Amino acid sequence: MTTAANGTAGPAVRVRFLGDFELTVNGTPVQRWRAGKARGLFQYLVVHRGQMLTRDRLYASLWPGADAAAGSSLKVAAHALRRVLDAHPDRPGDSGIQLVYRDFGYVLHITGLWSDLDRFQELVHTGLRAAAAGDAPLARTRLRAALGLYGGEFLRGESADWVVEQREYLRALALRALGVLRADAEAREDFVELIEVCRRTLEIDRHHEETYRALMAAHGRRGELACVRRWYELCARRMRDELAVAPGQETQRLLATLIPAAARPAAPAPAAASAFASVAGAPPATVRALRPPARRAGAPARSADLRTTVPARPVRRARPDSRAAAALARAADQASA
């Protein structure tokens, strides 16, 4: 097939789903859609092209909650789509696009289609099979090419359930490809590629702990301990602030292995020490201030009821020893004689 734009052989229809949606027909971008749902209908039909999609399924995906028997939104969107793409069911235009109504549903046929979605999945699956077979060079080539197509999440900015489901599936594929490339870079000790792979991974999933550990280990081998700590602290902050969890034990053990001092708790500051004493059992200052002063000897004791007092028991005084006094008197008489 020859495109009208440049006269060269190639697909007449090019669709980009990864990142911002883009449709080009015969070299001309399609930017105006006659109905609001025509674009969503086309996106859904392309992903499921060749399948007969019933009206109920299309309504459930594109107009959730609407009654398929009562509305005409699907007919309006299909009519607008045919006009935009010259996709008449009996007389397809130069694009080779046909939107056919059949058996209470629609089916889309496209001749000469190129889609970044299809190509991305093909490259990832080929690369993963090559990695499983031990063909590292082929796996590296295919997975790098796949990630070159991953310009962003699937249909960025759209929030329909079917979009989110497809987005998460493709996101998982991208992370799997990056994981294989990360392990390959570690095995070859290619620090530059390892850093780039980790960067791409954190762009997709900023809470990917395995990536933080890979960065910590790589910097640790190079003796860059400050970088080790900074990556750990970034991981811990994101996990705490965004997921309300702490880094896993494996991440904490790696930090303690690379920076042994990190395993030792720091000495508490005076304020922290007093707070710790309060928690450990010592009463806090506010409690101590509320306690009554210590009772002096002989003072009346306080009962549990602060309004009454209990008199103290009298103190018995020691009786004088008369025998000792008589002996002293006799000694005085003898001295005077």
Foldseek 3Di string as FASTA:
>chain_A
DAAPPPRDDAFQWEWEFQDATWIHGSNRTQDDFPDPCLVVVVVVQVVVAPDWDALVRCCCQRVNPDDSVPDCVVVVSVVRNCVSQVADQVDRDPQQWHWDDDDRTIHIDGPRYHYLVVLLVVLLVVLVVCVVVVNNVSNVVSLVVSVVSNPHFGNPPDDTPVSVVVRVVVLVSNLVSLVSQLVVCVVVVVVVVNVVSLVVNCVSPVQPVVSLLSQLVNCLVVVNLVSNVVSQVSNQVCCCPPVVDGDDPVSVVSNCVSPVVSVDDDDDDPVVVLVVVCVVPDPHPVVVVPDDDDDDPQDWDADPPNVDTHHDDDDDDDDDDVVVVVVVVVVVVVVVD
